[in-house]
Amino acid sequence: MARVFAQEAFKVCDRQGISTYEMILLAAHRAKILKKLPKDKLVLPAEEYEMKGTSPAVTVLREIESGGLDVLSLRQDYIESYSTVVENQEIAEED
């Protein structure tokens, strides 16, 4: 079943210039944060997330397939999650 969703999700990602490998990385990232997201950030109807026996990976593939999840913004979120730069940090200059 996940294979069908993966194939359809890849077609959506391919149209946006995202490779299969990158789609897998982004889907894994989204699956990890899926439980922590507030209700207003969910793409699918609430009952889709509460179905028993459905893994978070399949749910994310459904989100991508439906087109409701912006993969490019997910890419940016993924990059920012690994960023170690603090924006308001002042750099001390040596005299």
C-alpha atoms as a PDB file:
ATOM      1  CA  MET A   1       0.000   0.000   0.000  1.00  0.00           C
ATOM      2  CA  ALA A   2       2.810   2.408   0.815  1.00  0.00           C
ATOM      3  CA  ARG A   3       4.335   1.690  -2.581  1.00  0.00           C
ATOM      4  CA  VAL A   4       1.280   3.153  -4.333  1.00  0.00           C
ATOM      5  CA  PHE A   5       1.402   6.310  -2.210  1.00  0.00           C
ATOM      6  CA  ALA A   6       5.160   6.571  -2.739  1.00  0.00           C
ATOM      7  CA  GLN A   7       4.794   6.407  -6.513  1.00  0.00           C
ATOM      8  CA  GLU A   8       2.099   9.076  -6.552  1.00  0.00           C
ATOM      9  CA  ALA A   9       4.034  11.254  -4.099  1.00  0.00           C
ATOM     10  CA  PHE A  10       7.142  10.957  -6.248  1.00  0.00           C
ATOM     11  CA  LYS A  11       5.209  12.228  -9.272  1.00  0.00           C
ATOM     12  CA  VAL A  12       4.226  15.322  -7.279  1.00  0.00           C
ATOM     13  CA  CYS A  13       7.810  15.848  -6.085  1.00  0.00           C
ATOM     14  CA  ASP A  14       9.233  15.239  -9.544  1.00  0.00           C
ATOM     15  CA  ARG A  15       7.125  18.091 -10.914  1.00  0.00           C
ATOM     16  CA  GLN A  16       8.749  20.349  -8.311  1.00  0.00           C
ATOM     17  CA  GLY A  17      12.291  19.176  -9.086  1.00  0.00           C
ATOM     18  CA  ILE A  18      12.762  17.037  -5.982  1.00  0.00           C
ATOM     19  CA  SER A  19      14.572  13.712  -6.306  1.00  0.00           C
ATOM     20  CA  THR A  20      13.432  10.409  -4.839  1.00  0.00           C
ATOM     21  CA  TYR A  21      16.199  10.520  -2.241  1.00  0.00           C
ATOM     22  CA  GLU A  22      15.235  14.025  -1.149  1.00  0.00           C
ATOM     23  CA  MET A  23      11.557  13.049  -0.992  1.00  0.00           C
ATOM     24  CA  ILE A  24      12.454  10.196   1.361  1.00  0.00           C
ATOM     25  CA  LEU A  25      14.507  12.521   3.591  1.00  0.00           C
ATOM     26  CA  LEU A  26      11.722  15.103   3.713  1.00  0.00           C
ATOM     27  CA  ALA A  27       9.033  12.485   4.354  1.00  0.00           C
ATOM     28  CA  ALA A  28      11.074  11.009   7.215  1.00  0.00           C
ATOM     29  CA  HIS A  29      11.553  14.485   8.696  1.00  0.00           C
ATOM     30  CA  ARG A  30       7.822  15.228   8.467  1.00  0.00           C
ATOM     31  CA  ALA A  31       6.931  11.820   9.957  1.00  0.00           C
ATOM     32  CA  LYS A  32       9.150  12.542  12.979  1.00  0.00           C
ATOM     33  CA  ILE A  33       7.464  15.861  13.715  1.00  0.00           C
ATOM     34  CA  LEU A  34       3.934  14.800  12.766  1.00  0.00           C
ATOM     35  CA  LYS A  35       2.769  13.979  16.307  1.00  0.00           C
ATOM     36  CA  LYS A  36       4.047  17.296  17.677  1.00  0.00           C
ATOM     37  CA  LEU A  37       2.314  19.505  15.099  1.00  0.00           C
ATOM     38  CA  PRO A  38      -0.668  21.638  16.102  1.00  0.00           C
ATOM     39  CA  LYS A  39      -4.008  20.814  14.476  1.00  0.00           C
ATOM     40  CA  ASP A  40      -3.877  23.850  12.179  1.00  0.00           C
ATOM     41  CA  LYS A  41      -0.648  22.581  10.544  1.00  0.00           C
ATOM     42  CA  LEU A  42      -2.208  19.247   9.514  1.00  0.00           C
ATOM     43  CA  VAL A  43      -3.029  18.843   5.834  1.00  0.00           C
ATOM     44  CA  LEU A  44      -5.410  15.895   5.740  1.00  0.00           C
ATOM     45  CA  PRO A  45      -8.707  15.502   7.617  1.00  0.00           C
ATOM     46  CA  ALA A  46      -8.214  14.630  11.306  1.00  0.00           C
ATOM     47  CA  GLU A  47      -9.538  11.071  10.952  1.00  0.00           C
ATOM     48  CA  GLU A  48      -6.703  10.270   8.508  1.00  0.00           C
ATOM     49  CA  TYR A  49      -4.167  10.864  11.287  1.00  0.00           C
ATOM     50  CA  GLU A  50      -6.063   8.801  13.853  1.00  0.00           C
ATOM     51  CA  MET A  51      -6.508   5.637  11.754  1.00  0.00           C
ATOM     52  CA  LYS A  52      -5.154   2.571  13.513  1.00  0.00           C
ATOM     53  CA  GLY A  53      -2.526   0.576  11.672  1.00  0.00           C
ATOM     54  CA  THR A  54      -1.375   3.478   9.488  1.00  0.00           C
ATOM     55  CA  SER A  55       2.240   4.425   9.927  1.00  0.00           C
ATOM     56  CA  PRO A  56       3.325   8.062   9.993  1.00  0.00           C
ATOM     57  CA  ALA A  57       5.350   7.451   6.814  1.00  0.00           C
ATOM     58  CA  VAL A  58       2.240   6.450   4.854  1.00  0.00           C
ATOM     59  CA  THR A  59       0.369   9.442   6.264  1.00  0.00           C
ATOM     60  CA  VAL A  60       3.115  11.797   5.068  1.00  0.00           C
ATOM     61  CA  LEU A  61       3.074  10.198   1.619  1.00  0.00           C
ATOM     62  CA  ARG A  62      -0.678  10.809   1.515  1.00  0.00           C
ATOM     63  CA  GLU A  63      -0.071  14.441   2.462  1.00  0.00           C
ATOM     64  CA  ILE A  64       2.430  14.846  -0.380  1.00  0.00           C
ATOM     65  CA  GLU A  65       0.190  13.008  -2.829  1.00  0.00           C
ATOM     66  CA  SER A  66      -2.802  15.200  -2.010  1.00  0.00           C
ATOM     67  CA  GLY A  67      -0.785  18.298  -2.872  1.00  0.00           C
ATOM     68  CA  GLY A  68      -1.737  19.954   0.410  1.00  0.00           C
ATOM     69  CA  LEU A  69       1.801  19.744   1.759  1.00  0.00           C
ATOM     70  CA  ASP A  70       4.191  22.254   0.222  1.00  0.00           C
ATOM     71  CA  VAL A  71       7.310  20.176  -0.326  1.00  0.00           C
ATOM     72  CA  LEU A  72       9.522  23.200  -0.958  1.00  0.00           C
ATOM     73  CA  SER A  73       8.613  24.744   2.404  1.00  0.00           C
ATOM     74  CA  LEU A  74       9.160  21.330   4.008  1.00  0.00           C
ATOM     75  CA  ARG A  75      12.635  21.344   2.453  1.00  0.00           C
ATOM     76  CA  GLN A  76      13.328  24.747   4.023  1.00  0.00           C
ATOM     77  CA  ASP A  77      12.044  23.518   7.402  1.00  0.00           C
ATOM     78  CA  TYR A  78      14.341  20.487   7.137  1.00  0.00           C
ATOM     79  CA  ILE A  79      17.356  22.686   6.417  1.00  0.00           C
ATOM     80  CA  GLU A  80      16.513  25.035   9.294  1.00  0.00           C
ATOM     81  CA  SER A  81      16.150  22.098  11.691  1.00  0.00           C
ATOM     82  CA  TYR A  82      19.851  21.323  11.179  1.00  0.00           C
ATOM     83  CA  SER A  83      20.991  24.933  11.263  1.00  0.00           C
ATOM     84  CA  THR A  84      23.251  25.839  14.165  1.00  0.00           C
ATOM     85  CA  VAL A  85      23.512  29.565  13.462  1.00  0.00           C
ATOM     86  CA  VAL A  86      21.757  31.879  15.890  1.00  0.00           C
ATOM     87  CA  GLU A  87      20.470  34.966  14.059  1.00  0.00           C
ATOM     88  CA  ASN A  88      20.930  37.610  16.766  1.00  0.00           C
ATOM     89  CA  GLN A  89      24.294  36.460  17.958  1.00  0.00           C
ATOM     90  CA  GLU A  90      26.923  39.189  17.931  1.00  0.00           C
ATOM     91  CA  ILE A  91      30.394  38.349  16.756  1.00  0.00           C
ATOM     92  CA  ALA A  92      33.127  39.643  19.014  1.00  0.00           C
ATOM     93  CA  GLU A  93      35.803  41.435  17.065  1.00  0.00           C
ATOM     94  CA  GLU A  94      39.385  41.201  18.200  1.00  0.00           C
ATOM     95  CA  ASP A  95      41.300  44.493  18.300  1.00  0.00           C
END
